[in-house]
PDB file of all heavy atoms in Angstrom:
ATOM      1  N   LYS A   1       9.383  13.467   3.267  1.00  0.00           N
ATOM      2  CA  LYS A   1       9.202  12.683   2.046  1.00  0.00           C
ATOM      3  C   LYS A   1       7.970  13.183   1.301  1.00  0.00           C
ATOM      4  O   LYS A   1       7.054  13.744   1.905  1.00  0.00           O
ATOM      5  CB  LYS A   1       9.029  11.204   2.386  1.00  0.00           C
ATOM      6  CG  LYS A   1      10.171  10.608   3.183  1.00  0.00           C
ATOM      7  CD  LYS A   1      11.471  10.599   2.401  1.00  0.00           C
ATOM      8  CE  LYS A   1      12.566   9.855   3.158  1.00  0.00           C
ATOM      9  NZ  LYS A   1      13.000  10.543   4.384  1.00  0.00           N
ATOM     10  N   PRO A   2       7.928  12.961  -0.019  1.00  0.00           N
ATOM     11  CA  PRO A   2       6.747  13.372  -0.798  1.00  0.00           C
ATOM     12  C   PRO A   2       5.489  12.605  -0.406  1.00  0.00           C
ATOM     13  O   PRO A   2       5.484  11.753   0.477  1.00  0.00           O
ATOM     14  CB  PRO A   2       7.178  13.089  -2.249  1.00  0.00           C
ATOM     15  CG  PRO A   2       8.668  13.084  -2.210  1.00  0.00           C
ATOM     16  CD  PRO A   2       9.037  12.520  -0.876  1.00  0.00           C
ATOM     17  N   ILE A   3       4.440  12.867  -1.126  1.00  0.00           N
ATOM     18  CA  ILE A   3       3.090  12.467  -0.734  1.00  0.00           C
ATOM     19  C   ILE A   3       2.717  11.046  -1.127  1.00  0.00           C
ATOM     20  O   ILE A   3       1.733  10.487  -0.630  1.00  0.00           O
ATOM     21  CB  ILE A   3       2.069  13.446  -1.380  1.00  0.00           C
ATOM     22  CG1 ILE A   3       0.708  13.381  -0.672  1.00  0.00           C
ATOM     23  CG2 ILE A   3       1.922  13.168  -2.878  1.00  0.00           C
ATOM     24  CD1 ILE A   3       0.712  13.953   0.692  1.00  0.00           C
ATOM     25  N   GLY A   4       3.481  10.411  -2.020  1.00  0.00           N
ATOM     26  CA  GLY A   4       3.040   9.176  -2.667  1.00  0.00           C
ATOM     27  C   GLY A   4       2.544   8.107  -1.728  1.00  0.00           C
ATOM     28  O   GLY A   4       1.444   7.566  -1.895  1.00  0.00           O
ATOM     29  N   ILE A   5       3.353   7.750  -0.708  1.00  0.00           N
ATOM     30  CA  ILE A   5       2.949   6.642   0.163  1.00  0.00           C
ATOM     31  C   ILE A   5       1.725   7.017   0.979  1.00  0.00           C
ATOM     32  O   ILE A   5       0.886   6.153   1.281  1.00  0.00           O
ATOM     33  CB  ILE A   5       4.119   6.213   1.073  1.00  0.00           C
ATOM     34  CG1 ILE A   5       3.839   4.827   1.673  1.00  0.00           C
ATOM     35  CG2 ILE A   5       4.368   7.230   2.169  1.00  0.00           C
ATOM     36  CD1 ILE A   5       3.763   3.720   0.649  1.00  0.00           C
ATOM     37  N   HIS A   6       1.565   8.282   1.325  1.00  0.00           N
ATOM     38  CA  HIS A   6       0.392   8.696   2.097  1.00  0.00           C
ATOM     39  C   HIS A   6      -0.884   8.568   1.262  1.00  0.00           C
ATOM     40  O   HIS A   6      -1.931   8.157   1.783  1.00  0.00           O
ATOM     41  CB  HIS A   6       0.566  10.132   2.587  1.00  0.00           C
ATOM     42  CG  HIS A   6       1.728  10.309   3.515  1.00  0.00           C
ATOM     43  ND1 HIS A   6       1.737   9.797   4.784  1.00  0.00           N
ATOM     44  CD2 HIS A   6       2.937  10.917   3.339  1.00  0.00           C
ATOM     45  CE1 HIS A   6       2.887  10.097   5.372  1.00  0.00           C
ATOM     46  NE2 HIS A   6       3.622  10.776   4.512  1.00  0.00           N
ATOM     47  N   TRP A   7      -0.812   8.908  -0.011  1.00  0.00           N
ATOM     48  CA  TRP A   7      -1.980   8.727  -0.873  1.00  0.00           C
ATOM     49  C   TRP A   7      -2.344   7.249  -0.993  1.00  0.00           C
ATOM     50  O   TRP A   7      -3.520   6.886  -0.979  1.00  0.00           O
ATOM     51  CB  TRP A   7      -1.707   9.323  -2.250  1.00  0.00           C
ATOM     52  CG  TRP A   7      -1.849  10.812  -2.302  1.00  0.00           C
ATOM     53  CD1 TRP A   7      -2.381  11.629  -1.338  1.00  0.00           C
ATOM     54  CD2 TRP A   7      -1.482  11.665  -3.390  1.00  0.00           C
ATOM     55  NE1 TRP A   7      -2.351  12.941  -1.747  1.00  0.00           N
ATOM     56  CE2 TRP A   7      -1.804  12.998  -3.004  1.00  0.00           C
ATOM     57  CE3 TRP A   7      -0.894  11.452  -4.630  1.00  0.00           C
ATOM     58  CZ2 TRP A   7      -1.568  14.090  -3.830  1.00  0.00           C
ATOM     59  CZ3 TRP A   7      -0.654  12.546  -5.464  1.00  0.00           C
ATOM     60  CH2 TRP A   7      -0.990  13.847  -5.065  1.00  0.00           C
ATOM     61  N   LEU A   8      -1.354   6.402  -1.132  1.00  0.00           N
ATOM     62  CA  LEU A   8      -1.621   4.964  -1.253  1.00  0.00           C
ATOM     63  C   LEU A   8      -2.215   4.419   0.044  1.00  0.00           C
ATOM     64  O   LEU A   8      -3.158   3.617   0.016  1.00  0.00           O
ATOM     65  CB  LEU A   8      -0.335   4.219  -1.607  1.00  0.00           C
ATOM     66  CG  LEU A   8       0.229   4.510  -2.996  1.00  0.00           C
ATOM     67  CD1 LEU A   8       1.604   3.878  -3.158  1.00  0.00           C
ATOM     68  CD2 LEU A   8      -0.711   4.000  -4.081  1.00  0.00           C
ATOM     69  N   GLN A   9      -1.675   4.840   1.183  1.00  0.00           N
ATOM     70  CA  GLN A   9      -2.232   4.389   2.459  1.00  0.00           C
ATOM     71  C   GLN A   9      -3.650   4.921   2.653  1.00  0.00           C
ATOM     72  O   GLN A   9      -4.532   4.197   3.143  1.00  0.00           O
ATOM     73  CB  GLN A   9      -1.330   4.840   3.606  1.00  0.00           C
ATOM     74  CG  GLN A   9       0.007   4.108   3.649  1.00  0.00           C
ATOM     75  CD  GLN A   9       0.934   4.660   4.723  1.00  0.00           C
ATOM     76  OE1 GLN A   9       0.628   5.647   5.396  1.00  0.00           O
ATOM     77  NE2 GLN A   9       2.085   4.026   4.894  1.00  0.00           N
ATOM     78  N   ALA A  10      -3.876   6.192   2.277  1.00  0.00           N
ATOM     79  CA  ALA A  10      -5.215   6.760   2.398  1.00  0.00           C
ATOM     80  C   ALA A  10      -6.208   6.019   1.506  1.00  0.00           C
ATOM     81  O   ALA A  10      -7.371   5.802   1.889  1.00  0.00           O
ATOM     82  CB  ALA A  10      -5.196   8.244   2.048  1.00  0.00           C
ATOM     83  N   ALA A  11      -5.764   5.621   0.323  1.00  0.00           N
ATOM     84  CA  ALA A  11      -6.634   4.835  -0.563  1.00  0.00           C
ATOM     85  C   ALA A  11      -6.975   3.494   0.073  1.00  0.00           C
ATOM     86  O   ALA A  11      -8.123   3.019  -0.015  1.00  0.00           O
ATOM     87  CB  ALA A  11      -5.945   4.623  -1.916  1.00  0.00           C
ATOM     88  N   SER A  12      -5.985   2.874   0.718  1.00  0.00           N
ATOM     89  CA  SER A  12      -6.237   1.609   1.402  1.00  0.00           C
ATOM     90  C   SER A  12      -7.238   1.789   2.530  1.00  0.00           C
ATOM     91  O   SER A  12      -8.147   0.958   2.716  1.00  0.00           O
ATOM     92  CB  SER A  12      -4.911   1.055   1.943  1.00  0.00           C
ATOM     93  OG  SER A  12      -5.103  -0.178   2.593  1.00  0.00           O
ATOM     94  N   VAL A  13      -7.103   2.882   3.282  1.00  0.00           N
ATOM     95  CA  VAL A  13      -8.056   3.173   4.357  1.00  0.00           C
ATOM     96  C   VAL A  13      -9.456   3.391   3.784  1.00  0.00           C
ATOM     97  O   VAL A  13     -10.451   2.901   4.328  1.00  0.00           O
ATOM     98  CB  VAL A  13      -7.593   4.407   5.159  1.00  0.00           C
ATOM     99  CG1 VAL A  13      -8.686   4.875   6.110  1.00  0.00           C
ATOM    100  CG2 VAL A  13      -6.313   4.100   5.928  1.00  0.00           C
ATOM    101  N   TRP A  14      -9.543   4.116   2.663  1.00  0.00           N
ATOM    102  CA  TRP A  14     -10.838   4.373   2.035  1.00  0.00           C
ATOM    103  C   TRP A  14     -11.500   3.071   1.598  1.00  0.00           C
ATOM    104  O   TRP A  14     -12.701   2.864   1.815  1.00  0.00           O
ATOM    105  CB  TRP A  14     -10.660   5.308   0.849  1.00  0.00           C
ATOM    106  CG  TRP A  14     -11.943   5.612   0.137  1.00  0.00           C
ATOM    107  CD1 TRP A  14     -12.912   6.495   0.504  1.00  0.00           C
ATOM    108  CD2 TRP A  14     -12.414   4.992  -1.074  1.00  0.00           C
ATOM    109  NE1 TRP A  14     -13.947   6.476  -0.392  1.00  0.00           N
ATOM    110  CE2 TRP A  14     -13.670   5.565  -1.378  1.00  0.00           C
ATOM    111  CE3 TRP A  14     -11.884   4.022  -1.924  1.00  0.00           C
ATOM    112  CZ2 TRP A  14     -14.406   5.187  -2.493  1.00  0.00           C
ATOM    113  CZ3 TRP A  14     -12.626   3.636  -3.043  1.00  0.00           C
ATOM    114  CH2 TRP A  14     -13.861   4.223  -3.310  1.00  0.00           C
ATOM    115  N   VAL A  15     -10.711   2.187   0.994  1.00  0.00           N
ATOM    116  CA  VAL A  15     -11.260   0.905   0.553  1.00  0.00           C
ATOM    117  C   VAL A  15     -11.759   0.097   1.754  1.00  0.00           C
ATOM    118  O   VAL A  15     -12.783  -0.601   1.673  1.00  0.00           O
ATOM    119  CB  VAL A  15     -10.204   0.116  -0.245  1.00  0.00           C
ATOM    120  CG1 VAL A  15     -10.674  -1.316  -0.509  1.00  0.00           C
ATOM    121  CG2 VAL A  15      -9.905   0.820  -1.564  1.00  0.00           C
ATOM    122  N   SER A  16     -11.047   0.187   2.881  1.00  0.00           N
ATOM    123  CA  SER A  16     -11.452  -0.577   4.064  1.00  0.00           C
ATOM    124  C   SER A  16     -12.786  -0.094   4.629  1.00  0.00           C
ATOM    125  O   SER A  16     -13.478  -0.849   5.314  1.00  0.00           O
ATOM    126  CB  SER A  16     -10.380  -0.470   5.159  1.00  0.00           C
ATOM    127  OG  SER A  16     -10.435   0.787   5.816  1.00  0.00           O
ATOM    128  N   GLY A  17     -13.127   1.177   4.377  1.00  0.00           N
ATOM    129  CA  GLY A  17     -14.366   1.737   4.885  1.00  0.00           C
ATOM    130  C   GLY A  17     -14.355   2.057   6.367  1.00  0.00           C
ATOM    131  O   GLY A  17     -15.401   2.390   6.940  1.00  0.00           O
ATOM    132  N   GLU A  18     -13.181   1.999   7.021  1.00  0.00           N
ATOM    133  CA  GLU A  18     -13.127   2.197   8.467  1.00  0.00           C
ATOM    134  C   GLU A  18     -12.634   3.582   8.869  1.00  0.00           C
ATOM    135  O   GLU A  18     -12.526   3.877  10.061  1.00  0.00           O
ATOM    136  CB  GLU A  18     -12.253   1.114   9.101  1.00  0.00           C
ATOM    137  CG  GLU A  18     -12.783  -0.287   8.883  1.00  0.00           C
ATOM    138  CD  GLU A  18     -12.117  -1.315   9.760  1.00  0.00           C
ATOM    139  OE1 GLU A  18     -12.117  -1.131  10.993  1.00  0.00           O
ATOM    140  OE2 GLU A  18     -11.572  -2.290   9.215  1.00  0.00           O
ATOM    141  N   GLY A  19     -12.317   4.427   7.913  1.00  0.00           N
ATOM    142  CA  GLY A  19     -11.913   5.786   8.224  1.00  0.00           C
ATOM    143  C   GLY A  19     -10.732   5.846   9.167  1.00  0.00           C
ATOM    144  O   GLY A  19      -9.814   5.009   9.084  1.00  0.00           O
ATOM    145  N   ASN A  20     -10.750   6.813  10.092  1.00  0.00           N
ATOM    146  CA  ASN A  20      -9.603   6.955  10.993  1.00  0.00           C
ATOM    147  C   ASN A  20      -9.550   5.871  12.069  1.00  0.00           C
ATOM    148  O   ASN A  20      -8.640   5.861  12.888  1.00  0.00           O
ATOM    149  CB  ASN A  20      -9.599   8.343  11.645  1.00  0.00           C
ATOM    150  CG  ASN A  20     -10.788   8.552  12.569  1.00  0.00           C
ATOM    151  OD1 ASN A  20     -11.712   7.740  12.625  1.00  0.00           O
ATOM    152  ND2 ASN A  20     -10.765   9.657  13.291  1.00  0.00           N
ATOM    153  N   GLN A  21     -10.521   4.964  12.067  1.00  0.00           N
ATOM    154  CA  GLN A  21     -10.483   3.809  12.973  1.00  0.00           C
ATOM    155  C   GLN A  21      -9.852   2.582  12.320  1.00  0.00           C
ATOM    156  O   GLN A  21      -9.823   1.508  12.926  1.00  0.00           O
ATOM    157  CB  GLN A  21     -11.902   3.466  13.442  1.00  0.00           C
ATOM    158  CG  GLN A  21     -12.593   4.582  14.199  1.00  0.00           C
ATOM    159  CD  GLN A  21     -11.829   5.010  15.438  1.00  0.00           C
ATOM    160  OE1 GLN A  21     -11.420   4.174  16.237  1.00  0.00           O
ATOM    161  NE2 GLN A  21     -11.630   6.316  15.597  1.00  0.00           N
ATOM    162  N   ALA A  22      -9.364   2.734  11.112  1.00  0.00           N
ATOM    163  CA  ALA A  22      -8.765   1.591  10.404  1.00  0.00           C
ATOM    164  C   ALA A  22      -7.574   1.051  11.184  1.00  0.00           C
ATOM    165  O   ALA A  22      -6.748   1.825  11.688  1.00  0.00           O
ATOM    166  CB  ALA A  22      -8.326   2.011   9.004  1.00  0.00           C
ATOM    167  N   PRO A  23      -7.454  -0.264  11.310  1.00  0.00           N
ATOM    168  CA  PRO A  23      -6.315  -0.843  12.044  1.00  0.00           C
ATOM    169  C   PRO A  23      -5.015  -0.681  11.268  1.00  0.00           C
ATOM    170  O   PRO A  23      -5.009  -0.363  10.071  1.00  0.00           O
ATOM    171  CB  PRO A  23      -6.702  -2.315  12.189  1.00  0.00           C
ATOM    172  CG  PRO A  23      -7.635  -2.569  11.046  1.00  0.00           C
ATOM    173  CD  PRO A  23      -8.383  -1.287  10.820  1.00  0.00           C
ATOM    174  N   LEU A  24      -3.930  -0.941  11.943  1.00  0.00           N
ATOM    175  CA  LEU A  24      -2.609  -0.725  11.356  1.00  0.00           C
ATOM    176  C   LEU A  24      -2.400  -1.520  10.076  1.00  0.00           C
ATOM    177  O   LEU A  24      -1.793  -1.028   9.115  1.00  0.00           O
ATOM    178  CB  LEU A  24      -1.536  -1.089  12.383  1.00  0.00           C
ATOM    179  CG  LEU A  24      -0.086  -1.029  11.913  1.00  0.00           C
ATOM    180  CD1 LEU A  24       0.310   0.390  11.527  1.00  0.00           C
ATOM    181  CD2 LEU A  24       0.844  -1.570  12.998  1.00  0.00           C
ATOM    182  N   TRP A  25      -2.904  -2.759  10.031  1.00  0.00           N
ATOM    183  CA  TRP A  25      -2.611  -3.592   8.872  1.00  0.00           C
ATOM    184  C   TRP A  25      -3.173  -2.994   7.582  1.00  0.00           C
ATOM    185  O   TRP A  25      -2.643  -3.247   6.501  1.00  0.00           O
ATOM    186  CB  TRP A  25      -3.125  -5.024   9.066  1.00  0.00           C
ATOM    187  CG  TRP A  25      -4.603  -5.187   9.163  1.00  0.00           C
ATOM    188  CD1 TRP A  25      -5.356  -5.238  10.288  1.00  0.00           C
ATOM    189  CD2 TRP A  25      -5.532  -5.339   8.071  1.00  0.00           C
ATOM    190  NE1 TRP A  25      -6.697  -5.394   9.984  1.00  0.00           N
ATOM    191  CE2 TRP A  25      -6.827  -5.469   8.632  1.00  0.00           C
ATOM    192  CE3 TRP A  25      -5.393  -5.381   6.684  1.00  0.00           C
ATOM    193  CZ2 TRP A  25      -7.963  -5.644   7.847  1.00  0.00           C
ATOM    194  CZ3 TRP A  25      -6.524  -5.546   5.903  1.00  0.00           C
ATOM    195  CH2 TRP A  25      -7.785  -5.675   6.474  1.00  0.00           C
ATOM    196  N   VAL A  26      -4.229  -2.186   7.687  1.00  0.00           N
ATOM    197  CA  VAL A  26      -4.771  -1.535   6.494  1.00  0.00           C
ATOM    198  C   VAL A  26      -3.739  -0.575   5.910  1.00  0.00           C
ATOM    199  O   VAL A  26      -3.573  -0.488   4.690  1.00  0.00           O
ATOM    200  CB  VAL A  26      -6.080  -0.800   6.841  1.00  0.00           C
ATOM    201  CG1 VAL A  26      -6.551   0.055   5.667  1.00  0.00           C
ATOM    202  CG2 VAL A  26      -7.156  -1.797   7.232  1.00  0.00           C
ATOM    203  N   TYR A  27      -3.023   0.151   6.761  1.00  0.00           N
ATOM    204  CA  TYR A  27      -1.992   1.072   6.300  1.00  0.00           C
ATOM    205  C   TYR A  27      -0.785   0.321   5.710  1.00  0.00           C
ATOM    206  O   TYR A  27      -0.019   0.891   4.933  1.00  0.00           O
ATOM    207  CB  TYR A  27      -1.508   1.948   7.462  1.00  0.00           C
ATOM    208  CG  TYR A  27      -2.534   2.907   7.997  1.00  0.00           C
ATOM    209  CD1 TYR A  27      -3.476   2.505   8.931  1.00  0.00           C
ATOM    210  CD2 TYR A  27      -2.552   4.234   7.582  1.00  0.00           C
ATOM    211  CE1 TYR A  27      -4.423   3.389   9.435  1.00  0.00           C
ATOM    212  CE2 TYR A  27      -3.493   5.133   8.078  1.00  0.00           C
ATOM    213  CZ  TYR A  27      -4.426   4.698   9.004  1.00  0.00           C
ATOM    214  OH  TYR A  27      -5.349   5.580   9.500  1.00  0.00           O
ATOM    215  N   ARG A  28      -0.631  -0.930   6.108  1.00  0.00           N
ATOM    216  CA  ARG A  28       0.515  -1.713   5.616  1.00  0.00           C
ATOM    217  C   ARG A  28       0.263  -2.337   4.246  1.00  0.00           C
ATOM    218  O   ARG A  28       1.199  -2.833   3.608  1.00  0.00           O
ATOM    219  CB  ARG A  28       0.840  -2.823   6.630  1.00  0.00           C
ATOM    220  CG  ARG A  28       1.483  -2.306   7.905  1.00  0.00           C
ATOM    221  CD  ARG A  28       1.648  -3.405   8.940  1.00  0.00           C
ATOM    222  NE  ARG A  28       2.502  -2.983  10.046  1.00  0.00           N
ATOM    223  CZ  ARG A  28       2.672  -3.660  11.178  1.00  0.00           C
ATOM    224  NH1 ARG A  28       2.011  -4.802  11.352  1.00  0.00           N
ATOM    225  NH2 ARG A  28       3.472  -3.205  12.121  1.00  0.00           N
ATOM    226  N   ILE A  29      -0.975  -2.337   3.778  1.00  0.00           N
ATOM    227  CA  ILE A  29      -1.288  -3.008   2.513  1.00  0.00           C
ATOM    228  C   ILE A  29      -0.472  -2.467   1.339  1.00  0.00           C
ATOM    229  O   ILE A  29       0.031  -3.254   0.516  1.00  0.00           O
ATOM    230  CB  ILE A  29      -2.804  -2.951   2.246  1.00  0.00           C
ATOM    231  CG1 ILE A  29      -3.534  -3.906   3.200  1.00  0.00           C
ATOM    232  CG2 ILE A  29      -3.124  -3.297   0.797  1.00  0.00           C
ATOM    233  CD1 ILE A  29      -5.048  -3.843   3.110  1.00  0.00           C
ATOM    234  N   PRO A  30      -0.286  -1.149   1.176  1.00  0.00           N
ATOM    235  CA  PRO A  30       0.547  -0.693   0.059  1.00  0.00           C
ATOM    236  C   PRO A  30       1.970  -1.245   0.086  1.00  0.00           C
ATOM    237  O   PRO A  30       2.547  -1.528  -0.973  1.00  0.00           O
ATOM    238  CB  PRO A  30       0.544   0.837   0.222  1.00  0.00           C
ATOM    239  CG  PRO A  30      -0.745   1.128   0.920  1.00  0.00           C
ATOM    240  CD  PRO A  30      -0.932  -0.007   1.872  1.00  0.00           C
ATOM    241  N   SER A  31       2.528  -1.440   1.274  1.00  0.00           N
ATOM    242  CA  SER A  31       3.868  -2.021   1.357  1.00  0.00           C
ATOM    243  C   SER A  31       3.856  -3.476   0.916  1.00  0.00           C
ATOM    244  O   SER A  31       4.777  -3.937   0.229  1.00  0.00           O
ATOM    245  CB  SER A  31       4.410  -1.902   2.783  1.00  0.00           C
ATOM    246  OG  SER A  31       4.625  -0.551   3.128  1.00  0.00           O
ATOM    247  N   LEU A  32       2.833  -4.208   1.317  1.00  0.00           N
ATOM    248  CA  LEU A  32       2.705  -5.600   0.876  1.00  0.00           C
ATOM    249  C   LEU A  32       2.583  -5.668  -0.636  1.00  0.00           C
ATOM    250  O   LEU A  32       3.262  -6.479  -1.297  1.00  0.00           O
ATOM    251  CB  LEU A  32       1.484  -6.237   1.543  1.00  0.00           C
ATOM    252  CG  LEU A  32       1.138  -7.662   1.118  1.00  0.00           C
ATOM    253  CD1 LEU A  32       2.236  -8.626   1.517  1.00  0.00           C
ATOM    254  CD2 LEU A  32      -0.198  -8.093   1.722  1.00  0.00           C
ATOM    255  N   ILE A  33       1.744  -4.814  -1.203  1.00  0.00           N
ATOM    256  CA  ILE A  33       1.577  -4.783  -2.664  1.00  0.00           C
ATOM    257  C   ILE A  33       2.889  -4.387  -3.325  1.00  0.00           C
ATOM    258  O   ILE A  33       3.288  -4.972  -4.343  1.00  0.00           O
ATOM    259  CB  ILE A  33       0.449  -3.817  -3.048  1.00  0.00           C
ATOM    260  CG1 ILE A  33      -0.896  -4.358  -2.550  1.00  0.00           C
ATOM    261  CG2 ILE A  33       0.412  -3.590  -4.557  1.00  0.00           C
ATOM    262  CD1 ILE A  33      -2.052  -3.392  -2.724  1.00  0.00           C
ATOM    263  N   GLY A  34       3.578  -3.398  -2.751  1.00  0.00           N
ATOM    264  CA  GLY A  34       4.848  -2.966  -3.325  1.00  0.00           C
ATOM    265  C   GLY A  34       5.878  -4.067  -3.331  1.00  0.00           C
ATOM    266  O   GLY A  34       6.613  -4.246  -4.315  1.00  0.00           O
ATOM    267  N   ALA A  35       5.958  -4.839  -2.241  1.00  0.00           N
ATOM    268  CA  ALA A  35       6.944  -5.921  -2.174  1.00  0.00           C
ATOM    269  C   ALA A  35       6.633  -7.017  -3.190  1.00  0.00           C
ATOM    270  O   ALA A  35       7.538  -7.527  -3.875  1.00  0.00           O
ATOM    271  CB  ALA A  35       6.978  -6.490  -0.756  1.00  0.00           C
ATOM    272  N   ILE A  36       5.367  -7.399  -3.281  1.00  0.00           N
ATOM    273  CA  ILE A  36       4.989  -8.425  -4.262  1.00  0.00           C
ATOM    274  C   ILE A  36       5.220  -7.917  -5.678  1.00  0.00           C
ATOM    275  O   ILE A  36       5.731  -8.645  -6.549  1.00  0.00           O
ATOM    276  CB  ILE A  36       3.525  -8.852  -4.049  1.00  0.00           C
ATOM    277  CG1 ILE A  36       3.374  -9.550  -2.699  1.00  0.00           C
ATOM    278  CG2 ILE A  36       3.055  -9.753  -5.183  1.00  0.00           C
ATOM    279  CD1 ILE A  36       1.939  -9.881  -2.327  1.00  0.00           C
ATOM    280  N   ALA A  37       4.864  -6.646  -5.929  1.00  0.00           N
ATOM    281  CA  ALA A  37       5.109  -6.069  -7.251  1.00  0.00           C
ATOM    282  C   ALA A  37       6.592  -6.038  -7.570  1.00  0.00           C
ATOM    283  O   ALA A  37       6.998  -6.291  -8.718  1.00  0.00           O
ATOM    284  CB  ALA A  37       4.528  -4.652  -7.317  1.00  0.00           C
ATOM    285  N   ALA A  38       7.427  -5.744  -6.572  1.00  0.00           N
ATOM    286  CA  ALA A  38       8.875  -5.710  -6.803  1.00  0.00           C
ATOM    287  C   ALA A  38       9.394  -7.075  -7.221  1.00  0.00           C
ATOM    288  O   ALA A  38      10.273  -7.179  -8.088  1.00  0.00           O
ATOM    289  CB  ALA A  38       9.587  -5.228  -5.542  1.00  0.00           C
ATOM    290  N   VAL A  39       8.867  -8.135  -6.616  1.00  0.00           N
ATOM    291  CA  VAL A  39       9.287  -9.491  -7.004  1.00  0.00           C
ATOM    292  C   VAL A  39       8.879  -9.784  -8.441  1.00  0.00           C
ATOM    293  O   VAL A  39       9.681 -10.280  -9.254  1.00  0.00           O
ATOM    294  CB  VAL A  39       8.682 -10.518  -6.026  1.00  0.00           C
ATOM    295  CG1 VAL A  39       8.935 -11.945  -6.525  1.00  0.00           C
ATOM    296  CG2 VAL A  39       9.276 -10.340  -4.628  1.00  0.00           C
ATOM    297  N   LEU A  40       7.619  -9.483  -8.785  1.00  0.00           N
ATOM    298  CA  LEU A  40       7.152  -9.721 -10.154  1.00  0.00           C
ATOM    299  C   LEU A  40       7.937  -8.874 -11.160  1.00  0.00           C
ATOM    300  O   LEU A  40       8.310  -9.361 -12.245  1.00  0.00           O
ATOM    301  CB  LEU A  40       5.664  -9.401 -10.256  1.00  0.00           C
ATOM    302  CG  LEU A  40       4.693 -10.474  -9.759  1.00  0.00           C
ATOM    303  CD1 LEU A  40       3.273  -9.941  -9.783  1.00  0.00           C
ATOM    304  CD2 LEU A  40       4.807 -11.742 -10.595  1.00  0.00           C
ATOM    305  N   LEU A  41       8.177  -7.636 -10.813  1.00  0.00           N
ATOM    306  CA  LEU A  41       8.906  -6.754 -11.730  1.00  0.00           C
ATOM    307  C   LEU A  41      10.371  -7.151 -11.861  1.00  0.00           C
ATOM    308  O   LEU A  41      10.985  -6.920 -12.913  1.00  0.00           O
ATOM    309  CB  LEU A  41       8.784  -5.302 -11.253  1.00  0.00           C
ATOM    310  CG  LEU A  41       7.392  -4.684 -11.429  1.00  0.00           C
ATOM    311  CD1 LEU A  41       7.271  -3.390 -10.639  1.00  0.00           C
ATOM    312  CD2 LEU A  41       7.101  -4.441 -12.906  1.00  0.00           C
ATOM    313  N   THR A  42      10.925  -7.746 -10.812  1.00  0.00           N
ATOM    314  CA  THR A  42      12.287  -8.269 -10.930  1.00  0.00           C
ATOM    315  C   THR A  42      12.341  -9.408 -11.943  1.00  0.00           C
ATOM    316  O   THR A  42      13.291  -9.513 -12.729  1.00  0.00           O
ATOM    317  CB  THR A  42      12.794  -8.737  -9.556  1.00  0.00           C
ATOM    318  OG1 THR A  42      12.874  -7.609  -8.679  1.00  0.00           O
ATOM    319  CG2 THR A  42      14.172  -9.378  -9.667  1.00  0.00           C
ATOM    320  N   ILE A  43      11.319 -10.261 -11.923  1.00  0.00           N
ATOM    321  CA  ILE A  43      11.248 -11.317 -12.940  1.00  0.00           C
ATOM    322  C   ILE A  43      11.173 -10.692 -14.327  1.00  0.00           C
ATOM    323  O   ILE A  43      11.893 -11.102 -15.253  1.00  0.00           O
ATOM    324  CB  ILE A  43      10.034 -12.220 -12.676  1.00  0.00           C
ATOM    325  CG1 ILE A  43      10.157 -12.915 -11.324  1.00  0.00           C
ATOM    326  CG2 ILE A  43       9.870 -13.247 -13.795  1.00  0.00           C
ATOM    327  CD1 ILE A  43       8.899 -13.667 -10.907  1.00  0.00           C
ATOM    328  N   TRP A  44      10.309  -9.687 -14.473  1.00  0.00           N
ATOM    329  CA  TRP A  44      10.161  -9.017 -15.778  1.00  0.00           C
ATOM    330  C   TRP A  44      11.459  -8.337 -16.195  1.00  0.00           C
ATOM    331  O   TRP A  44      11.880  -8.429 -17.360  1.00  0.00           O
ATOM    332  CB  TRP A  44       9.034  -7.997 -15.677  1.00  0.00           C
ATOM    333  CG  TRP A  44       8.879  -7.120 -16.875  1.00  0.00           C
ATOM    334  CD1 TRP A  44       8.416  -7.479 -18.105  1.00  0.00           C
ATOM    335  CD2 TRP A  44       9.197  -5.725 -16.954  1.00  0.00           C
ATOM    336  NE1 TRP A  44       8.420  -6.389 -18.957  1.00  0.00           N
ATOM    337  CE2 TRP A  44       8.896  -5.298 -18.268  1.00  0.00           C
ATOM    338  CE3 TRP A  44       9.697  -4.796 -16.046  1.00  0.00           C
ATOM    339  CZ2 TRP A  44       9.092  -3.996 -18.697  1.00  0.00           C
ATOM    340  CZ3 TRP A  44       9.880  -3.485 -16.465  1.00  0.00           C
ATOM    341  CH2 TRP A  44       9.586  -3.096 -17.775  1.00  0.00           C
ATOM    342  N   MET A  45      12.109  -7.655 -15.261  1.00  0.00           N
ATOM    343  CA  MET A  45      13.389  -7.010 -15.566  1.00  0.00           C
ATOM    344  C   MET A  45      14.424  -8.044 -15.991  1.00  0.00           C
ATOM    345  O   MET A  45      15.118  -7.886 -17.005  1.00  0.00           O
ATOM    346  CB  MET A  45      13.870  -6.246 -14.329  1.00  0.00           C
ATOM    347  CG  MET A  45      15.233  -5.571 -14.451  1.00  0.00           C
ATOM    348  SD  MET A  45      16.634  -6.664 -14.028  1.00  0.00           S
ATOM    349  CE  MET A  45      16.303  -7.040 -12.311  1.00  0.00           C
ATOM    350  N   ALA A  46      14.533  -9.143 -15.245  1.00  0.00           N
ATOM    351  CA  ALA A  46      15.540 -10.158 -15.541  1.00  0.00           C
ATOM    352  C   ALA A  46      15.268 -10.874 -16.854  1.00  0.00           C
ATOM    353  O   ALA A  46      16.201 -11.377 -17.495  1.00  0.00           O
ATOM    354  CB  ALA A  46      15.605 -11.162 -14.390  1.00  0.00           C
TER     355      ALA A  46
END
């Protein structure tokens, strides 16, 4: 797959300040944001 999700996860890790010791939930933040954004954008689309 292309690079997009890795850049978003890396940005989340950078924001956390924990580097390669960042826990799993930090890597999951882009998915959480994506799901919430999808709900909001579905409202906008509809």
